[in-house]
């Protein structure tokens, strides 16, 4: 149930564009060793994208053990929304190379 609360707080942080709250929630999750899975990690990436901290989003994404098409989509849209078209394109190529997305 802690994960559900944290997911809600991450969503709220992103929707409000509140980077400070989002970083606090993520930090709390790390400090309390909250079990992470691909859904939680993707939510962290998405939150960082929404608050404009694309480098943190990229860092969290790169540390994810497992990625899904949703994870890739969050990162790619983050690059695009932050004016990083080249990085978005590179990520699409890498995603497809790894077998995700349209063939």
N, C-alpha and C. Protein backbone atom coordinates (compact mmCIF):
# COMPACT_ATOMS: atom_id res chain seq x y z
N UNK A 1 0.82 -1.20 0.00
CA UNK A 1 0.00 0.00 0.00
C UNK A 1 0.86 1.26 0.00
N UNK A 2 2.09 1.18 0.57
CA UNK A 2 2.99 2.34 0.52
C UNK A 2 3.30 2.74 -0.91
N UNK A 3 3.46 1.70 -1.76
CA UNK A 3 3.76 1.97 -3.16
C UNK A 3 2.62 2.74 -3.83
N UNK A 4 1.40 2.39 -3.49
CA UNK A 4 0.24 3.07 -4.08
C UNK A 4 0.23 4.54 -3.69
N UNK A 5 0.53 4.81 -2.42
CA UNK A 5 0.58 6.20 -1.94
C UNK A 5 1.70 6.95 -2.66
N UNK A 6 2.87 6.34 -2.78
CA UNK A 6 4.00 6.99 -3.44
C UNK A 6 3.69 7.25 -4.91
N UNK A 7 3.03 6.29 -5.57
CA UNK A 7 2.65 6.50 -6.97
C UNK A 7 1.72 7.70 -7.10
N UNK A 8 0.78 7.82 -6.16
CA UNK A 8 -0.12 8.96 -6.17
C UNK A 8 0.60 10.27 -5.97
N UNK A 9 1.57 10.27 -5.05
CA UNK A 9 2.34 11.49 -4.79
C UNK A 9 3.23 11.86 -5.98
N UNK A 10 3.81 10.85 -6.63
CA UNK A 10 4.60 11.13 -7.83
C UNK A 10 3.73 11.73 -8.92
N UNK A 11 2.55 11.15 -9.11
CA UNK A 11 1.62 11.66 -10.12
C UNK A 11 1.23 13.11 -9.81
N UNK A 12 0.91 13.37 -8.54
CA UNK A 12 0.52 14.73 -8.14
C UNK A 12 1.66 15.71 -8.36
N UNK A 13 2.87 15.31 -8.00
CA UNK A 13 4.04 16.18 -8.19
C UNK A 13 4.20 16.55 -9.65
N UNK A 14 4.11 15.54 -10.51
CA UNK A 14 4.25 15.79 -11.94
C UNK A 14 3.14 16.66 -12.48
N UNK A 15 1.91 16.36 -12.09
CA UNK A 15 0.77 17.13 -12.58
C UNK A 15 0.82 18.59 -12.14
N UNK A 16 1.34 18.81 -10.94
CA UNK A 16 1.46 20.18 -10.42
C UNK A 16 2.73 20.88 -10.88
N UNK A 17 3.65 20.11 -11.49
CA UNK A 17 4.93 20.68 -11.89
C UNK A 17 5.79 21.04 -10.70
N UNK A 18 5.60 20.31 -9.60
CA UNK A 18 6.30 20.61 -8.34
C UNK A 18 7.55 19.74 -8.19
N UNK A 19 8.67 20.25 -8.70
CA UNK A 19 9.92 19.50 -8.67
C UNK A 19 10.38 19.21 -7.25
N UNK A 20 10.21 20.18 -6.36
CA UNK A 20 10.66 19.99 -4.98
C UNK A 20 9.91 18.83 -4.32
N UNK A 21 8.60 18.80 -4.48
CA UNK A 21 7.82 17.72 -3.90
C UNK A 21 8.20 16.38 -4.55
N UNK A 22 8.34 16.37 -5.86
CA UNK A 22 8.71 15.14 -6.56
C UNK A 22 10.04 14.59 -6.12
N UNK A 23 11.02 15.47 -5.97
CA UNK A 23 12.35 15.02 -5.51
C UNK A 23 12.27 14.52 -4.08
N UNK A 24 11.44 15.15 -3.25
CA UNK A 24 11.27 14.71 -1.87
C UNK A 24 10.65 13.32 -1.81
N UNK A 25 9.63 13.10 -2.63
CA UNK A 25 8.98 11.78 -2.66
C UNK A 25 9.97 10.73 -3.12
N UNK A 26 10.70 11.00 -4.19
CA UNK A 26 11.68 10.05 -4.70
C UNK A 26 12.76 9.78 -3.65
N UNK A 27 13.24 10.82 -3.01
CA UNK A 27 14.24 10.65 -1.95
C UNK A 27 13.72 9.80 -0.81
N UNK A 28 12.48 10.03 -0.41
CA UNK A 28 11.86 9.23 0.66
C UNK A 28 11.81 7.76 0.25
N UNK A 29 11.45 7.51 -1.00
CA UNK A 29 11.37 6.13 -1.49
C UNK A 29 12.74 5.45 -1.42
N UNK A 30 13.78 6.19 -1.74
CA UNK A 30 15.14 5.63 -1.69
C UNK A 30 15.56 5.40 -0.25
N UNK A 31 15.36 6.41 0.60
CA UNK A 31 15.78 6.31 2.01
C UNK A 31 15.08 5.18 2.76
N UNK A 32 13.83 4.94 2.43
CA UNK A 32 13.06 3.90 3.13
C UNK A 32 13.13 2.56 2.43
N UNK A 33 13.95 2.48 1.39
CA UNK A 33 14.14 1.23 0.64
C UNK A 33 12.82 0.65 0.14
N UNK A 34 11.95 1.53 -0.32
CA UNK A 34 10.68 1.08 -0.87
C UNK A 34 10.97 0.20 -2.08
N UNK A 35 10.40 -1.00 -2.11
CA UNK A 35 10.66 -1.88 -3.26
C UNK A 35 10.25 -1.20 -4.57
N UNK A 36 11.17 -1.21 -5.50
CA UNK A 36 10.92 -0.58 -6.80
C UNK A 36 10.63 -1.67 -7.82
N UNK A 37 9.72 -1.37 -8.71
CA UNK A 37 9.49 -2.22 -9.86
C UNK A 37 9.37 -1.31 -11.07
N UNK A 38 9.14 -1.89 -12.23
CA UNK A 38 9.14 -1.10 -13.45
C UNK A 38 8.03 -0.04 -13.44
N UNK A 39 6.91 -0.32 -12.79
CA UNK A 39 5.82 0.66 -12.73
C UNK A 39 6.24 1.86 -11.89
N UNK A 40 6.82 1.60 -10.73
CA UNK A 40 7.26 2.68 -9.84
C UNK A 40 8.37 3.49 -10.51
N UNK A 41 9.35 2.79 -11.07
CA UNK A 41 10.47 3.50 -11.70
C UNK A 41 10.01 4.33 -12.90
N UNK A 42 9.09 3.80 -13.68
CA UNK A 42 8.55 4.56 -14.81
C UNK A 42 7.80 5.79 -14.32
N UNK A 43 7.11 5.66 -13.19
CA UNK A 43 6.41 6.81 -12.61
C UNK A 43 7.39 7.89 -12.15
N UNK A 44 8.55 7.47 -11.65
CA UNK A 44 9.59 8.43 -11.26
C UNK A 44 10.11 9.15 -12.50
N UNK A 45 10.39 8.39 -13.55
CA UNK A 45 10.85 8.99 -14.81
C UNK A 45 9.82 9.99 -15.32
N UNK A 46 8.56 9.58 -15.34
CA UNK A 46 7.48 10.44 -15.82
C UNK A 46 7.37 11.72 -15.00
N UNK A 47 7.49 11.59 -13.68
CA UNK A 47 7.41 12.77 -12.82
C UNK A 47 8.54 13.75 -13.13
N UNK A 48 9.78 13.22 -13.27
CA UNK A 48 10.90 14.11 -13.57
C UNK A 48 10.73 14.79 -14.93
N UNK A 49 10.18 14.06 -15.90
CA UNK A 49 9.90 14.65 -17.21
C UNK A 49 8.91 15.81 -17.05
N UNK A 50 7.83 15.57 -16.32
CA UNK A 50 6.77 16.58 -16.19
C UNK A 50 7.23 17.83 -15.46
N UNK A 51 8.19 17.68 -14.54
CA UNK A 51 8.66 18.87 -13.80
C UNK A 51 9.87 19.50 -14.49
N UNK A 52 10.26 18.97 -15.66
CA UNK A 52 11.33 19.57 -16.44
C UNK A 52 12.74 19.18 -16.04
N UNK A 53 12.88 18.12 -15.23
CA UNK A 53 14.21 17.66 -14.83
C UNK A 53 14.58 16.45 -15.67
N UNK A 54 14.78 16.69 -16.97
CA UNK A 54 14.99 15.62 -17.92
C UNK A 54 16.27 14.84 -17.66
N UNK A 55 17.31 15.49 -17.15
CA UNK A 55 18.55 14.76 -16.87
C UNK A 55 18.35 13.77 -15.74
N UNK A 56 17.57 14.14 -14.72
CA UNK A 56 17.26 13.18 -13.65
C UNK A 56 16.39 12.06 -14.19
N UNK A 57 15.45 12.38 -15.06
CA UNK A 57 14.61 11.35 -15.68
C UNK A 57 15.50 10.36 -16.44
N UNK A 58 16.45 10.90 -17.19
CA UNK A 58 17.36 10.07 -17.97
C UNK A 58 18.23 9.19 -17.06
N UNK A 59 18.68 9.76 -15.95
CA UNK A 59 19.52 9.01 -15.01
C UNK A 59 18.74 7.85 -14.38
N UNK A 60 17.51 8.14 -13.93
CA UNK A 60 16.67 7.09 -13.35
C UNK A 60 16.41 6.01 -14.39
N UNK A 61 16.08 6.42 -15.61
CA UNK A 61 15.80 5.47 -16.68
C UNK A 61 17.01 4.57 -16.94
N UNK A 62 18.19 5.15 -16.98
CA UNK A 62 19.39 4.37 -17.28
C UNK A 62 19.70 3.35 -16.19
N UNK A 63 19.23 3.59 -14.97
CA UNK A 63 19.48 2.66 -13.87
C UNK A 63 18.40 1.58 -13.73
N UNK A 64 17.34 1.68 -14.53
CA UNK A 64 16.27 0.69 -14.45
C UNK A 64 16.76 -0.66 -14.98
N UNK A 65 16.53 -1.72 -14.19
CA UNK A 65 16.92 -3.06 -14.63
C UNK A 65 16.02 -3.54 -15.76
N UNK A 66 14.73 -3.26 -15.63
CA UNK A 66 13.75 -3.69 -16.62
C UNK A 66 13.05 -2.46 -17.18
N UNK A 67 12.84 -2.49 -18.48
CA UNK A 67 12.16 -1.38 -19.14
C UNK A 67 11.02 -1.93 -19.98
N UNK A 68 9.99 -1.14 -20.12
CA UNK A 68 8.86 -1.50 -20.98
C UNK A 68 8.71 -0.43 -22.06
N UNK A 69 7.79 -0.67 -22.98
CA UNK A 69 7.52 0.35 -23.99
C UNK A 69 7.01 1.63 -23.34
N UNK A 70 6.30 1.50 -22.23
CA UNK A 70 5.81 2.68 -21.51
C UNK A 70 6.98 3.47 -20.94
N UNK A 71 7.98 2.77 -20.38
CA UNK A 71 9.17 3.44 -19.84
C UNK A 71 9.89 4.21 -20.95
N UNK A 72 10.10 3.52 -22.06
CA UNK A 72 10.75 4.17 -23.20
C UNK A 72 9.95 5.38 -23.67
N UNK A 73 8.63 5.21 -23.75
CA UNK A 73 7.77 6.31 -24.20
C UNK A 73 7.86 7.53 -23.31
N UNK A 74 7.93 7.30 -22.00
CA UNK A 74 8.06 8.42 -21.06
C UNK A 74 9.34 9.20 -21.31
N UNK A 75 10.44 8.47 -21.47
CA UNK A 75 11.73 9.13 -21.69
C UNK A 75 11.75 9.86 -23.04
N UNK A 76 11.28 9.18 -24.07
CA UNK A 76 11.30 9.78 -25.41
C UNK A 76 10.43 11.03 -25.47
N UNK A 77 9.24 10.96 -24.89
CA UNK A 77 8.39 12.16 -24.90
C UNK A 77 9.01 13.26 -24.07
N UNK A 78 9.71 12.89 -23.01
CA UNK A 78 10.41 13.88 -22.19
C UNK A 78 11.48 14.61 -22.98
N UNK A 79 12.26 13.85 -23.74
CA UNK A 79 13.26 14.49 -24.59
C UNK A 79 12.58 15.45 -25.58
N UNK A 80 11.53 14.97 -26.23
CA UNK A 80 10.85 15.79 -27.23
C UNK A 80 10.25 17.05 -26.61
N UNK A 81 9.62 16.91 -25.45
CA UNK A 81 8.99 18.06 -24.78
C UNK A 81 10.00 19.08 -24.29
N UNK A 82 11.23 18.64 -24.10
CA UNK A 82 12.26 19.54 -23.59
C UNK A 82 13.22 19.99 -24.70
N UNK A 83 12.79 19.86 -25.95
CA UNK A 83 13.57 20.38 -27.07
C UNK A 83 14.80 19.57 -27.41
N UNK A 84 14.81 18.30 -27.03
CA UNK A 84 15.97 17.45 -27.27
C UNK A 84 15.64 16.41 -28.34
N UNK A 85 15.33 16.89 -29.53
CA UNK A 85 14.88 16.01 -30.62
C UNK A 85 15.92 14.95 -30.97
N UNK A 86 17.20 15.32 -31.00
CA UNK A 86 18.24 14.35 -31.33
C UNK A 86 18.28 13.21 -30.33
N UNK A 87 18.17 13.56 -29.03
CA UNK A 87 18.18 12.51 -28.01
C UNK A 87 16.92 11.65 -28.10
N UNK A 88 15.80 12.26 -28.44
CA UNK A 88 14.56 11.49 -28.62
C UNK A 88 14.73 10.49 -29.75
N UNK A 89 15.29 10.95 -30.86
CA UNK A 89 15.51 10.07 -32.01
C UNK A 89 16.48 8.95 -31.65
N UNK A 90 17.57 9.28 -30.97
CA UNK A 90 18.54 8.26 -30.56
C UNK A 90 17.89 7.22 -29.65
N UNK A 91 17.02 7.67 -28.76
CA UNK A 91 16.34 6.75 -27.85
C UNK A 91 15.39 5.83 -28.62
N UNK A 92 14.71 6.37 -29.64
CA UNK A 92 13.83 5.54 -30.46
C UNK A 92 14.63 4.45 -31.16
N UNK A 93 15.77 4.83 -31.72
CA UNK A 93 16.62 3.87 -32.41
C UNK A 93 17.09 2.79 -31.43
N UNK A 94 17.52 3.19 -30.24
CA UNK A 94 17.97 2.22 -29.23
C UNK A 94 16.82 1.33 -28.78
N UNK A 95 15.66 1.91 -28.57
CA UNK A 95 14.48 1.14 -28.17
C UNK A 95 14.17 0.06 -29.21
N UNK A 96 14.19 0.43 -30.47
CA UNK A 96 13.91 -0.53 -31.53
C UNK A 96 15.02 -1.58 -31.65
N UNK A 97 16.25 -1.16 -31.44
CA UNK A 97 17.37 -2.10 -31.48
C UNK A 97 17.21 -3.18 -30.42
N UNK A 98 16.64 -2.79 -29.27
CA UNK A 98 16.44 -3.73 -28.17
C UNK A 98 15.14 -4.53 -28.30
N UNK A 99 14.40 -4.29 -29.38
CA UNK A 99 13.21 -5.09 -29.64
C UNK A 99 11.90 -4.52 -29.14
N UNK A 100 11.90 -3.25 -28.75
CA UNK A 100 10.67 -2.60 -28.30
C UNK A 100 10.09 -1.79 -29.44
N UNK A 101 8.79 -1.58 -29.38
CA UNK A 101 8.14 -0.66 -30.32
C UNK A 101 7.88 -1.28 -31.67
N UNK A 102 7.41 -0.44 -32.60
CA UNK A 102 7.06 -0.94 -33.94
C UNK A 102 8.29 -1.40 -34.69
N UNK A 103 8.10 -2.43 -35.48
CA UNK A 103 9.23 -2.99 -36.24
C UNK A 103 9.29 -2.44 -37.63
